[in-house]
Protein backbone atom coordinates (compact mmCIF):
# COMPACT_ATOMS: atom_id res chain seq x y z
CA MET A 1 26.23 53.67 104.32
CA ASN A 2 24.82 51.64 101.42
CA TYR A 3 24.15 54.00 98.45
CA GLU A 4 22.39 51.35 96.41
CA THR A 5 19.39 51.13 98.70
CA PRO A 6 16.31 52.16 96.67
CA LEU A 7 14.48 55.29 97.71
CA ARG A 8 11.23 54.66 99.44
CA VAL A 9 8.29 56.99 99.30
CA GLU A 10 5.83 56.82 102.06
CA GLY A 11 2.63 55.19 101.12
CA SER A 12 3.95 53.65 97.89
CA MET A 13 5.71 50.54 96.66
CA PRO A 14 9.30 50.72 95.79
CA MET A 15 9.85 51.80 92.12
CA THR A 16 12.02 49.69 89.77
CA PRO A 17 13.02 50.31 86.13
CA ASP A 18 10.70 47.47 84.73
CA ALA A 19 7.67 48.41 86.69
CA GLY A 20 6.36 50.92 84.11
CA GLU A 21 6.83 48.54 81.25
CA ALA A 22 5.00 45.75 83.06
CA GLU A 23 2.07 48.04 83.63
CA ALA A 24 2.06 49.11 79.88
CA ARG A 25 1.87 45.61 78.46
CA PRO A 26 -1.71 44.81 79.56
CA ARG A 27 -2.81 48.16 78.13
CA ARG A 28 -1.27 47.42 74.74
CA ARG A 29 -2.81 43.95 74.75
CA ARG A 30 -6.23 45.41 75.38
CA ILE A 31 -5.72 47.95 72.62
CA LEU A 32 -4.71 45.25 70.09
CA THR A 33 -7.70 43.16 71.09
CA ILE A 34 -10.02 46.08 70.54
CA VAL A 35 -8.43 46.81 67.13
CA ALA A 36 -8.85 43.16 66.06
CA ILE A 37 -12.50 43.16 67.14
CA VAL A 38 -13.14 46.36 65.21
CA ALA A 39 -11.38 44.99 62.09
CA THR A 40 -13.42 41.79 62.30
CA LEU A 41 -16.62 43.80 62.56
CA LEU A 42 -15.61 45.92 59.57
CA ILE A 43 -14.85 42.82 57.47
CA ALA A 44 -18.18 41.30 58.45
CA VAL A 45 -19.99 44.50 57.49
CA VAL A 46 -18.23 44.67 54.12
CA ALA A 47 -19.00 41.02 53.41
CA TRP A 48 -22.66 41.52 54.36
CA VAL A 49 -22.93 44.54 52.11
CA ALA A 50 -21.24 42.74 49.22
CA PHE A 51 -23.51 39.75 49.64
CA HIS A 52 -26.70 41.74 49.75
CA LYS A 53 -25.68 44.25 47.10
CA GLU A 54 -27.67 43.98 43.87
CA THR A 55 -25.44 42.55 41.07
CA PRO A 56 -26.00 42.82 37.29
CA ALA A 57 -27.60 39.84 35.65
CA ALA A 58 -25.17 37.18 34.44
CA PRO A 59 -24.78 36.95 30.65
CA ASP A 60 -27.00 34.50 28.94
CA ALA A 61 -25.34 31.07 29.14
CA ALA A 62 -26.61 30.37 25.66
CA LEU A 63 -24.29 33.05 24.36
CA GLN A 64 -21.31 30.95 25.54
CA VAL A 65 -22.39 27.88 23.53
CA PRO A 66 -20.47 27.59 20.22
CA VAL A 67 -22.40 27.73 16.98
CA VAL A 68 -21.61 24.90 14.56
CA THR A 69 -22.73 24.24 10.99
CA VAL A 70 -24.37 20.85 10.49
CA ILE A 71 -25.51 18.95 7.43
CA SER A 72 -27.95 16.12 6.89
CA PRO A 73 -26.50 14.41 3.79
CA GLY A 74 -29.14 11.83 2.99
CA ARG A 75 -28.04 9.05 0.62
CA SER A 76 -26.62 9.30 -2.89
CA MET A 77 -25.60 6.81 -5.56
CA VAL A 78 -21.85 6.25 -5.25
CA ASP A 79 -19.39 3.79 -6.72
CA ARG A 80 -18.09 0.95 -4.59
CA THR A 81 -14.35 0.84 -5.08
CA VAL A 82 -11.44 -1.47 -4.38
CA ARG A 83 -7.93 -0.12 -4.02
CA ALA A 84 -4.94 -2.16 -5.16
CA THR A 85 -1.27 -1.74 -5.98
CA GLY A 86 1.00 -3.57 -8.39
CA SER A 87 3.55 -3.35 -11.18
CA LEU A 88 3.20 -2.20 -14.77
CA ALA A 89 4.07 -4.39 -17.75
CA ALA A 90 3.39 -4.86 -21.43
CA ARG A 91 0.19 -6.79 -21.95
CA VAL A 92 1.92 -8.91 -24.63
CA ASP A 93 5.69 -8.73 -24.33
CA MET A 94 7.39 -9.76 -27.57
CA PRO A 95 11.12 -10.61 -27.40
CA VAL A 96 12.87 -10.27 -30.78
CA GLY A 97 16.17 -11.96 -31.65
CA ILE A 98 18.15 -13.17 -34.67
CA VAL A 99 16.44 -15.85 -36.74
CA GLY A 100 19.10 -16.28 -39.43
CA GLU A 101 22.71 -17.33 -39.37
CA GLY A 102 23.71 -13.93 -38.04
CA GLY A 103 26.78 -11.87 -38.59
CA GLU A 104 27.93 -8.33 -37.99
CA VAL A 105 25.21 -5.76 -37.36
CA ALA A 106 25.44 -3.06 -39.99
CA ARG A 107 22.60 -0.72 -38.89
CA VAL A 108 20.07 -0.34 -36.10
CA LEU A 109 16.99 1.54 -37.31
CA VAL A 110 14.83 2.01 -34.18
CA GLN A 111 15.11 3.34 -30.66
CA PRO A 112 13.17 2.51 -27.46
CA GLY A 113 9.87 4.37 -27.54
CA ASP A 114 9.45 4.10 -31.31
CA ARG A 115 6.28 2.64 -32.76
CA VAL A 116 6.80 0.06 -35.49
CA ARG A 117 4.66 -1.75 -38.05
CA ALA A 118 4.41 -5.48 -38.49
CA GLY A 119 7.40 -6.64 -40.54
CA GLN A 120 9.28 -3.36 -40.19
CA ILE A 121 13.08 -3.76 -40.18
CA LEU A 122 14.59 -3.09 -36.76
CA ALA A 123 18.24 -3.86 -37.58
CA VAL A 124 20.29 -5.00 -40.59
CA VAL A 125 23.12 -7.58 -40.58
CA GLU A 126 26.00 -7.20 -43.04
CA ARG A 127 25.41 -9.45 -46.13
CA SER A 128 28.13 -8.95 -48.74
CA VAL A 129 28.87 -12.70 -48.95
CA GLN A 130 25.21 -13.59 -49.25
CA THR A 131 24.80 -11.02 -52.02
CA GLU A 132 27.52 -12.68 -54.12
CA GLN A 133 25.92 -16.06 -53.52
CA LEU A 134 22.67 -14.69 -54.86
CA ARG A 135 24.39 -13.52 -58.03
CA SER A 136 26.01 -16.92 -58.48
CA LEU A 137 22.69 -18.72 -58.11
CA ALA A 138 21.01 -16.30 -60.49
CA ALA A 139 23.73 -17.08 -63.06
CA GLN A 140 23.17 -20.81 -62.56
CA ILE A 141 19.55 -20.28 -63.47
CA ASP A 142 20.61 -18.66 -66.72
CA VAL A 143 22.89 -21.63 -67.49
CA ALA A 144 20.14 -24.12 -66.68
CA GLN A 145 17.65 -22.23 -68.83
CA ALA A 146 20.12 -22.21 -71.75
CA ASP A 147 20.63 -25.97 -71.41
CA ALA A 148 16.90 -26.49 -71.29
CA LYS A 149 16.40 -24.37 -74.41
CA LEU A 150 19.05 -26.31 -76.29
CA ALA A 151 17.53 -29.62 -75.22
CA GLN A 152 14.12 -28.49 -76.42
CA ALA A 153 15.50 -27.45 -79.82
CA GLN A 154 17.27 -30.78 -80.30
CA LEU A 155 14.09 -32.61 -79.43
CA ASP A 156 12.11 -30.58 -81.95
CA ARG A 157 14.56 -31.35 -84.77
CA ALA A 158 14.57 -35.03 -83.91
CA ARG A 159 10.83 -35.21 -84.07
CA ALA A 160 10.92 -33.68 -87.55
CA LEU A 161 13.32 -36.40 -88.74
CA VAL A 162 11.65 -39.36 -87.14
CA ASP A 163 9.06 -39.61 -89.92
CA ARG A 164 11.82 -39.86 -92.53
CA GLY A 165 13.39 -42.73 -90.73
CA PHE A 166 16.64 -40.97 -89.89
CA ILE A 167 16.08 -41.10 -86.10
CA SER A 168 14.71 -43.99 -84.17
CA LYS A 169 12.00 -43.87 -81.55
CA ALA A 170 14.59 -44.57 -78.88
CA ASP A 171 16.52 -41.44 -79.82
CA ILE A 172 13.35 -39.38 -79.41
CA ASP A 173 12.82 -40.78 -75.92
CA GLN A 174 16.43 -40.00 -74.96
CA ARG A 175 16.20 -36.43 -76.22
CA THR A 176 12.89 -35.98 -74.39
CA ALA A 177 14.53 -37.13 -71.16
CA THR A 178 17.41 -34.72 -71.75
CA ARG A 179 14.97 -31.88 -72.25
CA ASP A 180 13.03 -32.77 -69.07
CA SER A 181 16.25 -33.03 -67.08
CA ALA A 182 17.33 -29.59 -68.27
CA ASN A 183 13.98 -28.11 -67.26
CA ALA A 184 14.30 -29.76 -63.84
CA ARG A 185 17.73 -28.23 -63.38
CA VAL A 186 16.17 -24.84 -64.09
CA GLY A 187 13.65 -25.49 -61.31
CA VAL A 188 16.41 -26.56 -58.91
CA ALA A 189 18.43 -23.45 -59.65
CA ARG A 190 15.40 -21.26 -59.08
CA ALA A 191 14.66 -22.99 -55.77
CA GLN A 192 18.25 -22.55 -54.65
CA LEU A 193 18.07 -18.87 -55.48
CA ALA A 194 14.81 -18.48 -53.57
CA GLU A 195 16.28 -20.31 -50.58
CA GLN A 196 19.31 -18.06 -50.56
CA ARG A 197 17.14 -15.00 -50.86
CA ALA A 198 15.12 -16.19 -47.87
CA ARG A 199 18.30 -16.79 -45.88
CA THR A 200 19.55 -13.37 -46.80
CA GLY A 201 16.22 -11.82 -45.91
CA ARG A 202 16.44 -13.38 -42.46
CA LEU A 203 19.48 -11.27 -41.82
CA ASP A 204 17.02 -8.38 -41.42
CA ILE A 205 15.70 -8.32 -37.85
CA ARG A 206 12.02 -7.50 -38.25
CA ALA A 207 9.11 -6.69 -35.94
CA PRO A 208 6.81 -9.73 -35.65
CA ALA A 209 3.81 -7.45 -35.11
CA ALA A 210 2.96 -3.78 -34.75
CA GLY A 211 3.88 -2.39 -31.38
CA LEU A 212 6.02 -0.19 -29.21
CA VAL A 213 9.77 -0.72 -28.85
CA LEU A 214 10.55 -1.12 -25.16
CA THR A 215 14.23 -2.07 -25.07
CA ARG A 216 17.19 -2.41 -27.46
CA THR A 217 20.34 -4.39 -26.63
CA VAL A 218 22.17 -4.35 -29.97
CA GLU A 219 24.54 -1.82 -31.54
CA PRO A 220 26.17 -1.47 -34.97
CA GLY A 221 29.32 -3.59 -35.27
CA GLN A 222 28.07 -6.17 -32.82
CA ILE A 223 28.33 -9.84 -33.89
CA VAL A 224 25.02 -11.63 -33.46
CA GLY A 225 23.90 -15.19 -33.97
CA SER A 226 21.32 -17.71 -32.87
CA GLY A 227 22.74 -17.66 -29.33
CA SER A 228 22.72 -13.88 -28.93
CA GLY A 229 19.43 -13.85 -27.07
CA VAL A 230 16.90 -11.02 -27.08
CA LEU A 231 17.94 -7.98 -29.10
CA PHE A 232 14.67 -6.01 -28.85
CA ARG A 233 11.55 -6.15 -26.68
CA LEU A 234 8.24 -4.92 -28.06
CA ALA A 235 4.83 -4.33 -26.53
CA LYS A 236 2.31 -5.68 -29.01
CA ASP A 237 0.08 -2.87 -30.30
CA GLY A 238 1.54 -0.69 -27.53
CA GLU A 239 -0.92 -2.14 -25.02
CA MET A 240 0.05 -2.12 -21.34
CA GLU A 241 -1.37 -3.67 -18.23
CA MET A 242 -1.19 -3.39 -14.47
CA LEU A 243 -0.72 -6.52 -12.39
CA ALA A 244 -2.84 -5.37 -9.46
CA GLN A 245 -2.49 -7.27 -6.19
CA ALA A 246 -5.75 -7.40 -4.23
CA SER A 247 -6.69 -9.06 -0.95
CA GLU A 248 -8.69 -12.25 -0.95
CA ALA A 249 -11.83 -10.38 0.18
CA ASP A 250 -11.47 -7.64 -2.45
CA LEU A 251 -10.67 -10.14 -5.19
CA ALA A 252 -14.10 -11.72 -4.70
CA LEU A 253 -15.71 -8.37 -5.59
CA LEU A 254 -13.88 -7.92 -8.89
CA ARG A 255 -15.19 -8.96 -12.29
CA VAL A 256 -13.83 -8.88 -15.84
CA GLY A 257 -14.82 -5.54 -17.37
CA ASN A 258 -14.67 -3.51 -14.13
CA ARG A 259 -13.42 0.00 -14.77
CA ALA A 260 -10.17 1.06 -13.06
CA THR A 261 -8.15 4.24 -12.73
CA VAL A 262 -4.40 3.65 -12.67
CA THR A 263 -2.00 6.18 -11.17
CA PRO A 264 1.74 5.54 -11.61
CA VAL A 265 3.87 6.19 -8.54
CA GLY A 266 5.70 9.50 -8.64
CA GLY A 267 3.25 11.20 -10.99
CA THR A 268 -0.20 12.70 -11.08
CA ALA A 269 -1.31 11.31 -14.46
CA GLN A 270 -4.28 8.94 -14.33
CA VAL A 271 -5.03 6.37 -17.02
CA THR A 272 -8.35 4.59 -17.33
CA GLY A 273 -8.42 0.87 -18.03
CA ARG A 274 -10.51 -2.24 -17.50
CA ILE A 275 -9.93 -5.60 -15.87
CA TRP A 276 -9.42 -8.26 -18.51
CA GLN A 277 -8.47 -11.15 -16.24
CA VAL A 278 -9.01 -12.03 -12.58
CA SER A 279 -6.70 -14.63 -11.11
CA PRO A 280 -8.49 -17.92 -10.32
CA VAL A 281 -6.06 -18.66 -7.45
CA VAL A 282 -4.94 -16.89 -4.27
CA ASP A 283 -1.39 -16.99 -2.98
CA PRO A 284 -1.50 -19.14 0.20
CA GLN A 285 1.33 -17.13 1.75
CA THR A 286 0.18 -13.55 1.16
CA ARG A 287 -3.56 -14.31 0.81
CA GLN A 288 -3.62 -12.08 -2.24
CA GLY A 289 -4.66 -12.58 -5.84
CA MET A 290 -4.00 -10.74 -9.08
CA ALA A 291 -6.30 -8.69 -11.27
CA ARG A 292 -4.83 -7.78 -14.67
CA ILE A 293 -5.93 -4.35 -15.82
CA ALA A 294 -5.57 -3.55 -19.53
CA ILE A 295 -4.58 0.07 -20.13
CA PRO A 296 -3.81 1.93 -23.36
CA SER A 297 -0.35 3.16 -24.26
CA ASP A 298 0.51 6.37 -22.43
CA PRO A 299 3.81 8.20 -21.84
CA ALA A 300 3.18 7.99 -18.08
CA ILE A 301 2.98 4.18 -18.19
CA ARG A 302 6.43 2.63 -18.02
CA PRO A 303 6.73 -1.16 -17.85
CA GLY A 304 8.52 -2.25 -14.71
CA GLY A 305 7.20 0.71 -12.72
CA PHE A 306 4.79 0.65 -9.76
CA ALA A 307 1.26 2.03 -9.65
CA SER A 308 -1.91 2.17 -7.61
CA ALA A 309 -5.39 1.47 -8.93
CA THR A 310 -8.90 2.40 -7.89
CA ILE A 311 -11.27 -0.24 -9.26
CA VAL A 312 -15.01 0.37 -9.45
CA SER A 313 -16.59 -2.90 -8.38
CA GLY A 314 -20.21 -1.70 -8.40
CA SER A 315 -22.47 1.08 -7.15
CA GLY A 316 -24.85 1.66 -4.27
CA GLU A 317 -26.39 4.28 -2.00
CA ALA A 318 -24.33 5.92 0.72
CA PRO A 319 -24.09 9.30 2.50
CA MET A 320 -21.68 11.78 0.87
CA LEU A 321 -19.82 14.12 3.23
CA PRO A 322 -17.35 16.93 2.63
CA GLU A 323 -13.80 16.01 3.52
CA SER A 324 -13.83 18.55 6.36
CA ALA A 325 -16.54 16.54 8.15
CA VAL A 326 -14.53 13.31 8.36
CA LEU A 327 -11.87 13.18 11.06
CA SER A 328 -9.39 10.47 11.96
CA ASP A 329 -7.17 9.40 14.84
CA GLU A 330 -5.44 6.26 16.02
CA LYS A 331 -8.83 4.54 16.37
CA GLY A 332 -9.83 5.22 12.77
CA ASN A 333 -12.24 7.53 10.95
CA TYR A 334 -15.10 9.26 12.74
CA VAL A 335 -17.55 12.16 12.53
CA PHE A 336 -19.26 14.36 15.11
CA ILE A 337 -23.05 14.32 15.13
CA VAL A 338 -25.39 16.59 17.11
CA ASP A 339 -28.19 14.74 18.92
CA ALA A 340 -31.66 15.97 19.87
CA GLN A 341 -30.28 17.54 23.08
CA LYS A 342 -27.78 19.57 20.99
CA VAL A 343 -24.87 17.61 22.40
CA VAL A 344 -21.92 16.53 20.27
CA ARG A 345 -21.50 12.75 19.92
CA ARG A 346 -18.69 10.83 18.25
CA ARG A 347 -19.66 8.27 15.59
CA GLU A 348 -17.18 5.77 14.10
CA VAL A 349 -17.49 5.43 10.30
CA LYS A 350 -15.93 3.52 7.43
CA VAL A 351 -15.20 5.58 4.34
CA GLY A 352 -15.29 4.46 0.73
CA GLN A 353 -14.33 6.34 -2.41
CA VAL A 354 -12.94 9.85 -2.06
CA SER A 355 -13.69 12.06 -5.05
CA SER A 356 -14.29 15.68 -5.94
CA ALA A 357 -17.90 15.21 -4.81
CA GLY A 358 -16.81 14.29 -1.28
CA VAL A 359 -16.24 11.23 0.88
CA ALA A 360 -18.60 8.27 0.65
CA VAL A 361 -19.40 6.73 4.05
CA VAL A 362 -20.15 3.05 3.58
CA GLU A 363 -20.68 2.16 7.26
CA GLY A 364 -21.75 4.04 10.39
CA LEU A 365 -24.33 6.53 9.08
CA THR A 366 -27.85 6.39 7.74
CA GLY A 367 -27.77 9.88 6.22
CA THR A 368 -30.46 11.36 8.49
CA GLU A 369 -28.10 12.49 11.25
CA ARG A 370 -27.03 16.08 11.85
CA ILE A 371 -23.30 15.97 11.17
CA VAL A 372 -20.82 18.71 12.01
CA ALA A 373 -19.63 19.95 8.63
CA SER A 374 -16.38 21.58 9.74
CA ALA A 375 -14.34 22.68 12.76
CA GLY A 376 -14.88 19.26 14.31
CA ALA A 377 -11.28 19.26 15.49
CA PHE A 378 -12.17 22.05 17.96
CA LEU A 379 -15.06 20.14 19.51
CA THR A 380 -15.16 17.37 22.08
CA ALA A 381 -17.68 14.61 22.61
CA GLY A 382 -20.36 15.64 25.12
CA GLN A 383 -20.03 19.37 24.41
CA LYS A 384 -23.15 21.49 24.18
CA VAL A 385 -23.47 23.37 20.87
CA LYS A 386 -25.90 25.45 18.90
CA PRO A 387 -26.40 23.75 15.52
CA GLU A 388 -27.19 25.68 12.35
CA LEU A 389 -28.18 23.80 9.21
CA ALA A 390 -25.88 24.54 6.28
CA LYS A 391 -27.44 26.45 3.43
CA PRO A 392 -27.79 24.50 0.19
CA ARG A 393 -25.36 25.53 -2.56
């Protein structure tokens, strides 16, 4: 007997363990299909309701447009300027050396930075030998004068005796010649004394003109002579100058008498001067020329230093903008203007003099445009804005 034979029920199919599961699968599939259809219908209903639901009005787009302050600068009289750089020097540099026979320096009486008068003694050379020579020559004058006095007295007595016949005419002539020779020796002695005094006086190193002492290269005890070179350097009358190097194009705009403001490098002091000479030639290598600017003596001006200069070459009309309105990038300087459609536009400009009054624009603007006064760095070309005209100060 086979016990594994499945039990049969009359009128039915044989039952197996997977039969119930096979029948349940179609039912679950139908249920899932119905759930998906219902979910789809619900989503469609929600979407329809959301689409047809009344929404609040969107905020006014105009409220999203940034408000910018604009100015219309017009045109003002401004100076046309040329910028240049160069070195500082004495306008008239006077080297001073020994003019006498020299010797040992006994005293130095001035220091760099001192102002001196014409003929003032700068240094003294030891002169003990020359002093004794002066005394000797002065004594020789006394001897010569005594000889001349004696010769004159002898001549006077001879003239008194010539009428009595004791002295001949020839003796009178001889005594006259002796007297004249004695007088001549007096003159020679005096000339020798004056010469020695002059030589001794040349041992004093003196200022050839009034000025400012720039350098000193001599000390007490130093031996100096005609080959010692420059002992002092003076700036005549203390006047200085700037040797400004300007481009060929800028040089053509400069004239003698143009006002210039000189600023030494490393400082904030500004000294006003005027051009006194414009170079008639241009360096063929650098294509630059020189403008010499005369400037008064000032503690900030040190010969040999470097400086920049702003030279006023004329005046003209140009728009004046605040510094905040002028922007710059790798392409150069520019401003933002607002056109009739209230759209920001970029405009390339060329700036001139920058002063406390603002920035002069020499090219790119007529002065009638509406220019963004500030916050231009936060705007972009083509952006819509709401312009407000700046209130006059």
